[in-house]
N, C-alpha and C. Protein backbone atom coordinates (compact mmCIF):
# COMPACT_ATOMS: atom_id res chain seq x y z
N UNK A 1 111.73 86.74 104.18
CA UNK A 1 110.58 86.98 105.03
C UNK A 1 110.65 86.02 106.19
N UNK A 2 110.51 86.56 107.35
CA UNK A 2 110.49 85.74 108.55
C UNK A 2 109.05 85.47 108.95
N UNK A 3 108.81 84.26 109.43
CA UNK A 3 107.48 83.98 109.97
C UNK A 3 107.57 83.75 111.48
N UNK A 4 108.69 84.16 112.05
CA UNK A 4 108.88 84.07 113.49
C UNK A 4 108.64 85.44 114.10
N UNK A 5 107.82 85.47 115.12
CA UNK A 5 107.52 86.74 115.78
C UNK A 5 108.77 87.30 116.43
N UNK A 6 109.03 88.59 116.25
CA UNK A 6 110.22 89.18 116.87
C UNK A 6 110.03 89.35 118.37
N UNK A 7 111.06 89.06 119.12
CA UNK A 7 111.04 89.24 120.57
C UNK A 7 111.84 90.51 120.84
N UNK A 8 111.14 91.63 121.01
CA UNK A 8 111.81 92.93 121.06
C UNK A 8 111.14 93.87 122.05
N UNK A 9 111.89 94.84 122.50
CA UNK A 9 111.35 95.86 123.40
C UNK A 9 111.22 97.20 122.69
N UNK A 10 111.63 97.28 121.43
CA UNK A 10 111.55 98.53 120.68
C UNK A 10 110.19 98.68 120.02
N UNK A 11 109.71 99.92 119.93
CA UNK A 11 108.39 100.20 119.36
C UNK A 11 108.40 100.09 117.84
N UNK A 12 107.21 99.82 117.31
CA UNK A 12 106.96 99.83 115.88
C UNK A 12 106.14 101.07 115.56
N UNK A 13 106.39 101.68 114.40
CA UNK A 13 105.68 102.88 113.99
C UNK A 13 104.71 102.53 112.87
N UNK A 14 103.45 102.91 113.04
CA UNK A 14 102.40 102.72 112.04
C UNK A 14 101.96 104.11 111.57
N UNK A 15 102.46 104.60 110.43
CA UNK A 15 102.16 105.96 109.98
C UNK A 15 100.68 106.24 109.81
N UNK A 16 99.90 105.22 109.45
CA UNK A 16 98.46 105.40 109.25
C UNK A 16 97.63 104.84 110.40
N UNK A 17 98.28 104.44 111.48
CA UNK A 17 97.55 103.85 112.58
C UNK A 17 96.98 102.49 112.19
N UNK A 18 95.94 102.08 112.90
CA UNK A 18 95.23 100.84 112.60
C UNK A 18 93.77 101.19 112.36
N UNK A 19 93.04 100.31 111.69
CA UNK A 19 91.62 100.56 111.42
C UNK A 19 90.91 100.84 112.74
N UNK A 20 90.22 101.97 112.80
CA UNK A 20 89.52 102.38 114.01
C UNK A 20 90.38 103.16 114.99
N UNK A 21 91.68 103.19 114.75
CA UNK A 21 92.62 103.88 115.64
C UNK A 21 93.66 104.62 114.80
N UNK A 22 93.18 105.55 113.98
CA UNK A 22 94.05 106.28 113.08
C UNK A 22 95.08 107.16 113.76
N UNK A 23 94.83 107.52 115.03
CA UNK A 23 95.77 108.37 115.76
C UNK A 23 96.77 107.56 116.58
N UNK A 24 96.67 106.26 116.54
CA UNK A 24 97.62 105.40 117.27
C UNK A 24 98.75 105.03 116.31
N UNK A 25 99.93 105.55 116.59
CA UNK A 25 101.05 105.35 115.67
C UNK A 25 102.19 104.52 116.26
N UNK A 26 102.39 104.58 117.55
CA UNK A 26 103.47 103.84 118.20
C UNK A 26 102.88 102.61 118.88
N UNK A 27 103.46 101.44 118.57
CA UNK A 27 102.97 100.18 119.13
C UNK A 27 104.13 99.36 119.68
N UNK A 28 103.86 98.69 120.77
CA UNK A 28 104.79 97.71 121.30
C UNK A 28 104.28 96.33 120.96
N UNK A 29 105.19 95.41 120.72
CA UNK A 29 104.82 94.03 120.45
C UNK A 29 105.14 93.22 121.70
N UNK A 30 104.10 92.68 122.30
CA UNK A 30 104.27 91.89 123.52
C UNK A 30 104.30 90.42 123.11
N UNK A 31 105.46 89.83 123.26
CA UNK A 31 105.64 88.43 122.87
C UNK A 31 106.67 87.82 123.81
N UNK A 32 106.30 86.72 124.44
CA UNK A 32 107.17 86.08 125.42
C UNK A 32 108.13 85.07 124.81
N UNK A 33 108.08 84.89 123.48
CA UNK A 33 109.00 83.97 122.84
C UNK A 33 108.49 82.55 122.73
N UNK A 34 107.23 82.31 123.10
CA UNK A 34 106.65 80.97 123.05
C UNK A 34 105.35 81.03 122.25
N UNK A 35 105.15 80.05 121.37
CA UNK A 35 103.92 80.02 120.59
C UNK A 35 103.97 80.98 119.42
N UNK A 36 102.80 81.21 118.80
CA UNK A 36 102.78 82.06 117.61
C UNK A 36 101.71 83.14 117.68
N UNK A 37 101.37 83.57 118.89
CA UNK A 37 100.43 84.67 119.06
C UNK A 37 101.11 85.75 119.90
N UNK A 38 101.00 86.99 119.44
CA UNK A 38 101.56 88.13 120.16
C UNK A 38 100.49 89.20 120.28
N UNK A 39 100.74 90.18 121.12
CA UNK A 39 99.82 91.31 121.29
C UNK A 39 100.51 92.57 120.78
N UNK A 40 99.85 93.25 119.85
CA UNK A 40 100.31 94.55 119.37
C UNK A 40 99.58 95.60 120.19
N UNK A 41 100.28 96.29 121.07
CA UNK A 41 99.68 97.21 122.03
C UNK A 41 100.05 98.65 121.68
N UNK A 42 99.02 99.49 121.52
CA UNK A 42 99.27 100.89 121.22
C UNK A 42 99.87 101.59 122.43
N UNK A 43 100.88 102.38 122.19
CA UNK A 43 101.48 103.21 123.23
C UNK A 43 100.71 104.53 123.32
N UNK A 44 100.19 105.01 122.17
CA UNK A 44 99.45 106.27 122.10
C UNK A 44 98.04 106.15 122.67
N UNK A 45 97.39 105.05 122.39
CA UNK A 45 96.00 104.81 122.81
C UNK A 45 95.93 103.42 123.44
N UNK A 46 96.08 103.33 124.77
CA UNK A 46 96.17 102.03 125.43
C UNK A 46 94.97 101.11 125.19
N UNK A 47 93.83 101.67 124.80
CA UNK A 47 92.66 100.83 124.54
C UNK A 47 92.79 100.06 123.22
N UNK A 48 93.77 100.40 122.41
CA UNK A 48 93.98 99.72 121.13
C UNK A 48 95.02 98.61 121.31
N UNK A 49 94.54 97.39 121.28
CA UNK A 49 95.42 96.22 121.39
C UNK A 49 94.89 95.14 120.45
N UNK A 50 95.79 94.44 119.80
CA UNK A 50 95.41 93.47 118.78
C UNK A 50 96.22 92.19 118.96
N UNK A 51 95.55 91.05 118.89
CA UNK A 51 96.25 89.77 118.89
C UNK A 51 96.67 89.47 117.46
N UNK A 52 97.92 89.08 117.28
CA UNK A 52 98.48 88.83 115.95
C UNK A 52 99.12 87.45 115.87
N UNK A 53 99.14 86.92 114.67
CA UNK A 53 99.86 85.69 114.39
C UNK A 53 100.46 85.80 112.99
N UNK A 54 101.58 85.16 112.74
CA UNK A 54 102.18 85.24 111.40
C UNK A 54 101.28 84.63 110.33
N UNK A 55 101.37 85.17 109.12
CA UNK A 55 100.67 84.62 107.96
C UNK A 55 101.12 83.17 107.79
N UNK A 56 100.17 82.27 107.60
CA UNK A 56 100.47 80.85 107.48
C UNK A 56 100.23 80.42 106.02
N UNK A 57 101.31 80.29 105.25
CA UNK A 57 101.18 79.97 103.83
C UNK A 57 100.53 78.62 103.57
N UNK A 58 100.76 77.65 104.43
CA UNK A 58 100.18 76.33 104.20
C UNK A 58 98.66 76.36 104.35
N UNK A 59 98.13 77.25 105.16
CA UNK A 59 96.68 77.37 105.34
C UNK A 59 96.05 78.42 104.44
N UNK A 60 96.77 79.49 104.16
CA UNK A 60 96.18 80.65 103.49
C UNK A 60 96.69 80.88 102.07
N UNK A 61 97.70 80.17 101.68
CA UNK A 61 98.29 80.40 100.36
C UNK A 61 99.36 81.48 100.43
N UNK A 62 99.74 81.95 99.28
CA UNK A 62 100.81 82.94 99.19
C UNK A 62 100.49 84.20 99.98
N UNK A 63 101.54 84.79 100.51
CA UNK A 63 101.38 86.04 101.25
C UNK A 63 100.92 87.13 100.30
N UNK A 64 100.22 88.13 100.85
CA UNK A 64 99.83 89.27 100.01
C UNK A 64 101.07 89.98 99.48
N UNK A 65 100.87 90.79 98.48
CA UNK A 65 101.94 91.63 97.92
C UNK A 65 101.61 93.08 98.20
N UNK A 66 102.62 93.85 98.49
CA UNK A 66 102.44 95.29 98.69
C UNK A 66 102.36 95.98 97.35
N UNK A 67 101.43 96.94 97.22
CA UNK A 67 101.47 97.78 96.03
C UNK A 67 102.53 98.86 96.25
N UNK A 68 102.79 99.66 95.25
CA UNK A 68 103.87 100.65 95.34
C UNK A 68 103.65 101.64 96.49
N UNK A 69 102.41 102.12 96.64
CA UNK A 69 102.11 103.08 97.70
C UNK A 69 102.33 102.47 99.09
N UNK A 70 101.91 101.23 99.26
CA UNK A 70 102.09 100.56 100.55
C UNK A 70 103.58 100.34 100.83
N UNK A 71 104.33 99.92 99.82
CA UNK A 71 105.77 99.71 100.00
C UNK A 71 106.47 101.01 100.38
N UNK A 72 106.05 102.12 99.76
CA UNK A 72 106.63 103.42 100.10
C UNK A 72 106.27 103.81 101.53
N UNK A 73 105.05 103.52 101.94
CA UNK A 73 104.59 103.89 103.28
C UNK A 73 105.46 103.25 104.37
N UNK A 74 105.83 101.99 104.16
CA UNK A 74 106.65 101.32 105.18
C UNK A 74 108.13 101.26 104.78
N UNK A 75 108.48 102.04 103.75
CA UNK A 75 109.87 102.22 103.32
C UNK A 75 110.58 100.90 103.04
N UNK A 76 109.90 100.00 102.34
CA UNK A 76 110.49 98.70 102.04
C UNK A 76 110.93 98.65 100.59
N UNK A 77 112.12 98.12 100.38
CA UNK A 77 112.67 97.94 99.04
C UNK A 77 112.59 96.47 98.61
N UNK A 78 112.68 95.58 99.57
CA UNK A 78 112.75 94.15 99.30
C UNK A 78 111.66 93.43 100.08
N UNK A 79 110.83 92.65 99.39
CA UNK A 79 109.74 91.91 100.05
C UNK A 79 110.28 90.99 101.15
N UNK A 80 111.56 90.63 101.09
CA UNK A 80 112.15 89.78 102.12
C UNK A 80 112.18 90.48 103.48
N UNK A 81 112.08 91.80 103.48
CA UNK A 81 112.09 92.55 104.73
C UNK A 81 110.69 92.74 105.31
N UNK A 82 109.68 92.12 104.68
CA UNK A 82 108.29 92.29 105.13
C UNK A 82 107.84 91.05 105.89
N UNK A 83 107.31 91.26 107.07
CA UNK A 83 106.67 90.19 107.83
C UNK A 83 105.17 90.44 107.77
N UNK A 84 104.42 89.44 107.33
CA UNK A 84 102.96 89.55 107.25
C UNK A 84 102.34 88.90 108.47
N UNK A 85 101.42 89.64 109.10
CA UNK A 85 100.70 89.15 110.28
C UNK A 85 99.21 89.31 110.05
N UNK A 86 98.43 88.48 110.72
CA UNK A 86 96.98 88.64 110.65
C UNK A 86 96.45 88.92 112.05
N UNK A 87 95.38 89.69 112.09
CA UNK A 87 94.74 90.06 113.36
C UNK A 87 93.75 88.97 113.73
N UNK A 88 93.84 88.50 114.97
CA UNK A 88 92.93 87.49 115.49
C UNK A 88 91.87 88.15 116.36
N UNK A 89 90.67 87.58 116.36
CA UNK A 89 89.58 88.09 117.18
C UNK A 89 89.00 86.94 117.99
N UNK A 90 89.25 86.93 119.32
CA UNK A 90 88.71 85.86 120.15
C UNK A 90 87.28 86.11 120.61
N UNK A 91 86.70 87.25 120.24
CA UNK A 91 85.38 87.64 120.75
C UNK A 91 84.25 87.52 119.75
N UNK A 92 84.53 87.37 118.47
CA UNK A 92 83.49 87.41 117.43
C UNK A 92 82.65 86.13 117.37
N UNK A 93 83.18 85.03 117.85
CA UNK A 93 82.51 83.74 117.73
C UNK A 93 82.74 82.94 119.01
N UNK A 94 81.71 82.28 119.50
CA UNK A 94 81.85 81.52 120.75
C UNK A 94 82.69 80.26 120.59
N UNK A 95 82.73 79.70 119.38
CA UNK A 95 83.45 78.45 119.17
C UNK A 95 84.82 78.63 118.53
N UNK A 96 85.01 79.76 117.83
CA UNK A 96 86.24 79.95 117.07
C UNK A 96 86.92 81.28 117.39
N UNK A 97 88.24 81.26 117.41
CA UNK A 97 89.03 82.48 117.32
C UNK A 97 89.10 82.74 115.82
N UNK A 98 88.69 83.93 115.40
CA UNK A 98 88.65 84.22 113.97
C UNK A 98 89.84 85.09 113.54
N UNK A 99 90.13 85.04 112.25
CA UNK A 99 91.24 85.81 111.68
C UNK A 99 90.70 86.74 110.61
N UNK A 100 91.18 87.97 110.61
CA UNK A 100 90.78 88.96 109.61
C UNK A 100 91.75 88.88 108.43
N UNK A 101 91.30 88.20 107.37
CA UNK A 101 92.14 88.06 106.18
C UNK A 101 92.02 89.26 105.25
N UNK A 102 91.03 90.10 105.50
CA UNK A 102 90.77 91.28 104.67
C UNK A 102 91.76 92.41 104.98
N UNK A 103 92.33 92.42 106.18
CA UNK A 103 93.20 93.53 106.58
C UNK A 103 94.44 93.03 107.32
N UNK A 104 95.33 92.31 106.62
CA UNK A 104 96.56 91.86 107.26
C UNK A 104 97.51 93.03 107.52
N UNK A 105 98.51 92.76 108.32
CA UNK A 105 99.49 93.77 108.68
C UNK A 105 100.83 93.42 108.05
N UNK A 106 101.44 94.41 107.40
CA UNK A 106 102.78 94.26 106.84
C UNK A 106 103.74 95.07 107.71
N UNK A 107 104.82 94.44 108.13
CA UNK A 107 105.82 95.13 108.94
C UNK A 107 107.17 95.05 108.24
N UNK A 108 107.78 96.22 108.06
CA UNK A 108 109.16 96.30 107.59
C UNK A 108 110.01 95.97 108.80
N UNK A 109 110.57 94.76 108.81
CA UNK A 109 111.30 94.29 109.99
C UNK A 109 112.61 95.03 110.20
N UNK A 110 113.18 95.58 109.14
CA UNK A 110 114.43 96.33 109.27
C UNK A 110 114.21 97.71 109.88
N UNK A 111 113.17 98.40 109.43
CA UNK A 111 112.93 99.78 109.88
C UNK A 111 111.85 99.90 110.95
N UNK A 112 111.17 98.78 111.27
CA UNK A 112 110.17 98.75 112.34
C UNK A 112 108.97 99.65 112.01
N UNK A 113 108.54 99.60 110.75
CA UNK A 113 107.39 100.39 110.30
C UNK A 113 106.32 99.42 109.84
N UNK A 114 105.07 99.66 110.28
CA UNK A 114 103.98 98.75 109.94
C UNK A 114 102.82 99.44 109.26
N UNK A 115 102.00 98.63 108.60
CA UNK A 115 100.84 99.13 107.88
C UNK A 115 99.77 98.04 107.85
N UNK A 116 98.55 98.42 108.22
CA UNK A 116 97.43 97.50 108.04
C UNK A 116 96.94 97.69 106.61
N UNK A 117 96.98 96.64 105.83
CA UNK A 117 96.68 96.70 104.39
C UNK A 117 95.28 96.18 104.11
N UNK A 118 94.37 97.07 103.75
CA UNK A 118 93.01 96.67 103.40
C UNK A 118 93.05 96.10 101.99
N UNK A 119 92.66 94.84 101.86
CA UNK A 119 92.72 94.15 100.58
C UNK A 119 91.37 94.22 99.88
N UNK A 120 91.37 94.42 98.55
CA UNK A 120 90.12 94.62 97.82
C UNK A 120 89.37 93.35 97.44
N UNK A 121 90.01 92.19 97.54
CA UNK A 121 89.38 90.96 97.07
C UNK A 121 88.12 90.65 97.88
N UNK A 122 86.95 90.56 97.22
CA UNK A 122 85.69 90.35 97.94
C UNK A 122 85.59 88.99 98.61
N UNK A 123 86.34 88.01 98.13
CA UNK A 123 86.24 86.66 98.70
C UNK A 123 86.98 86.50 100.04
N UNK A 124 87.79 87.48 100.41
CA UNK A 124 88.53 87.39 101.67
C UNK A 124 87.60 87.55 102.86
N UNK A 125 87.84 86.74 103.87
CA UNK A 125 86.96 86.73 105.04
C UNK A 125 87.45 87.66 106.14
N UNK A 126 86.48 88.30 106.80
CA UNK A 126 86.78 89.07 108.00
C UNK A 126 86.83 88.17 109.22
N UNK A 127 86.13 87.03 109.15
CA UNK A 127 86.05 86.11 110.29
C UNK A 127 86.36 84.69 109.86
N UNK A 128 87.56 84.50 109.38
CA UNK A 128 88.03 83.18 108.99
C UNK A 128 88.24 82.35 110.25
N UNK A 129 87.72 81.13 110.27
CA UNK A 129 87.86 80.28 111.47
C UNK A 129 89.30 79.82 111.59
N UNK A 130 90.02 80.45 112.52
CA UNK A 130 91.45 80.21 112.66
C UNK A 130 91.75 79.03 113.57
N UNK A 131 91.16 79.05 114.75
CA UNK A 131 91.39 77.97 115.72
C UNK A 131 90.20 77.90 116.66
N UNK A 132 89.97 76.71 117.20
CA UNK A 132 88.88 76.55 118.16
C UNK A 132 89.18 77.37 119.41
N UNK A 133 88.13 77.90 120.01
CA UNK A 133 88.29 78.63 121.26
C UNK A 133 88.87 77.68 122.31
N UNK A 134 89.82 78.14 123.10
CA UNK A 134 90.35 77.29 124.16
C UNK A 134 89.21 76.84 125.08
N UNK A 135 89.20 75.56 125.37
CA UNK A 135 88.17 75.03 126.28
C UNK A 135 86.86 74.71 125.60
N UNK A 136 86.77 74.85 124.28
CA UNK A 136 85.48 74.54 123.63
C UNK A 136 85.52 73.20 122.94
């Protein structure tokens, strides 16, 4: 499993879209190769864009595991081919950029297929305080 954001010009395919954007299937990853935040931009629906950062095991613990259906959806055989990302929200809180731990993204890095995985654990936060807002 890589925790380094890929620097690529090829699209990623999300068979189920993203929450709120079920018809958005093709996404580009905008990453300049510096830092650990990238933008996942829908090619199908330009209004759908998400800030992402790699799963941080030292802060969040072990990465989620895919169930069989999720693994089949992104055609993954080996967990080593999965990159876990979390969606960041800079607008939900004036002091914090928050992270959605309830719905991380799994990407099959070999086949370029992604899935937003809704996790059932009730203790997971939708607005985990990830980092202070710049300038606050």
